[in-house]
Amino acid sequence: MRIEKHPILTFEKGRKVKFTYNGEELEGFEGEPIAAALHAAGVKVLGHSSVHKRPRGFYCAIGNCSSCLMTVDGKPNVRVCIEKLADGMKVETQQGKGDLI
């Protein structure tokens, strides 16, 4: 589920790392956006709208919308489309507007 070859862009892959998503261990490449790693692992729904509870996915990929807000390492409202993946990260689906712990 990854783009491996592109006629214009190049994709530099970091080392393979492990992270958890809602308690499930997944793998991705260090430095890639968290949303890209989730998408490659088959995760298409990143959350739900706070008012109508409609599913939200990987949308703008540049940090302008709020479709990809998740809780990362206990911090709510992280835009996972621009947040870089690191080894051992704990990524969780955010409920509502996110609560500070």
Protein backbone atom coordinates (compact mmCIF):
# COMPACT_ATOMS: atom_id res chain seq x y z
CA MET A 1 0.00 0.00 0.00
CA ARG A 2 2.96 2.32 -0.53
CA ILE A 3 4.02 4.20 -3.61
CA GLU A 4 7.39 2.66 -4.40
CA LYS A 5 8.22 4.40 -7.68
CA HIS A 6 7.23 7.82 -8.97
CA PRO A 7 8.33 9.58 -12.17
CA ILE A 8 9.26 12.82 -10.37
CA LEU A 9 9.45 12.24 -6.61
CA THR A 10 11.91 10.14 -4.70
CA PHE A 11 11.10 8.46 -1.42
CA GLU A 12 13.89 8.20 1.13
CA LYS A 13 13.07 5.47 3.61
CA GLY A 14 14.39 5.57 7.13
CA ARG A 15 15.03 2.45 9.14
CA LYS A 16 12.10 0.19 9.93
CA VAL A 17 10.61 0.98 13.36
CA LYS A 18 7.81 -0.38 15.52
CA PHE A 19 4.99 1.67 16.98
CA THR A 20 1.58 0.94 18.45
CA TYR A 21 -1.79 2.00 17.11
CA ASN A 22 -4.66 1.52 19.57
CA GLY A 23 -2.56 -1.14 21.30
CA GLU A 24 -1.67 -3.06 18.12
CA GLU A 25 1.99 -3.23 17.15
CA LEU A 26 2.70 -1.97 13.63
CA GLU A 27 5.80 -1.16 11.58
CA GLY A 28 6.71 1.88 9.54
CA PHE A 29 9.75 3.80 8.43
CA GLU A 30 11.40 6.30 10.75
CA GLY A 31 10.76 9.87 9.66
CA GLU A 32 7.75 9.19 7.45
CA PRO A 33 4.45 10.82 8.43
CA ILE A 34 2.55 8.73 10.97
CA ALA A 35 -0.52 8.84 8.70
CA ALA A 36 1.50 7.32 5.84
CA ALA A 37 2.61 4.44 8.07
CA LEU A 38 -0.98 3.88 9.22
CA HIS A 39 -2.28 4.00 5.65
CA ALA A 40 0.36 1.49 4.52
CA ALA A 41 -0.75 -0.80 7.38
CA GLY A 42 -4.34 -0.68 6.13
CA VAL A 43 -5.70 1.91 8.57
CA LYS A 44 -7.99 4.15 6.51
CA VAL A 45 -10.08 5.80 9.24
CA LEU A 46 -8.05 8.08 11.50
CA GLY A 47 -10.95 9.41 13.55
CA HIS A 48 -14.52 10.67 13.42
CA SER A 49 -15.98 14.16 13.17
CA SER A 50 -16.94 15.53 16.56
CA VAL A 51 -20.46 16.60 15.56
CA HIS A 52 -21.79 13.99 13.12
CA LYS A 53 -19.40 11.13 14.01
CA ARG A 54 -18.54 10.57 10.33
CA PRO A 55 -15.27 8.76 9.57
CA ARG A 56 -12.26 10.88 8.69
CA GLY A 57 -9.20 9.73 6.82
CA PHE A 58 -5.91 10.90 5.31
CA TYR A 59 -7.11 14.07 3.53
CA CYS A 60 -4.92 17.15 2.97
CA ALA A 61 -1.55 15.65 3.98
CA ILE A 62 -0.09 19.11 4.68
CA GLY A 63 -1.42 19.89 8.17
CA ASN A 64 -4.17 22.35 7.16
CA CYS A 65 -7.31 20.38 7.96
CA SER A 66 -8.28 18.54 11.14
CA SER A 67 -9.10 15.15 9.61
CA CYS A 68 -6.02 13.44 11.02
CA LEU A 69 -5.98 14.61 14.64
CA MET A 70 -4.88 11.77 16.91
CA THR A 71 -3.31 11.30 20.33
CA VAL A 72 0.41 10.57 20.08
CA ASP A 73 2.39 9.58 23.19
CA GLY A 74 -0.43 10.99 25.35
CA LYS A 75 -0.57 14.35 23.54
CA PRO A 76 -3.96 15.08 21.89
CA ASN A 77 -4.61 16.95 18.64
CA VAL A 78 -1.46 15.86 16.83
CA ARG A 79 -1.70 16.22 13.04
CA VAL A 80 -0.38 12.80 12.06
CA CYS A 81 -0.12 13.76 8.39
CA ILE A 82 2.91 15.91 9.23
CA GLU A 83 4.17 14.35 12.49
CA LYS A 84 7.18 12.13 11.81
CA LEU A 85 7.16 8.54 12.97
CA ALA A 86 9.69 7.49 15.59
CA ASP A 87 10.46 4.15 17.18
CA GLY A 88 8.15 3.20 20.04
CA MET A 89 5.49 5.85 19.45
CA LYS A 90 2.06 5.21 20.95
CA VAL A 91 -0.61 6.38 18.50
CA GLU A 92 -4.28 6.32 19.48
CA THR A 93 -7.56 7.25 17.87
CA GLN A 94 -8.73 10.47 19.49
CA GLN A 95 -12.23 10.65 20.88
CA GLY A 96 -13.87 14.07 20.41
CA LYS A 97 -11.64 17.09 20.82
CA GLY A 98 -9.01 15.26 22.87
CA ASP A 99 -8.33 15.39 26.57
CA LEU A 100 -5.08 16.38 28.20
CA ILE A 101 -3.86 13.79 30.65
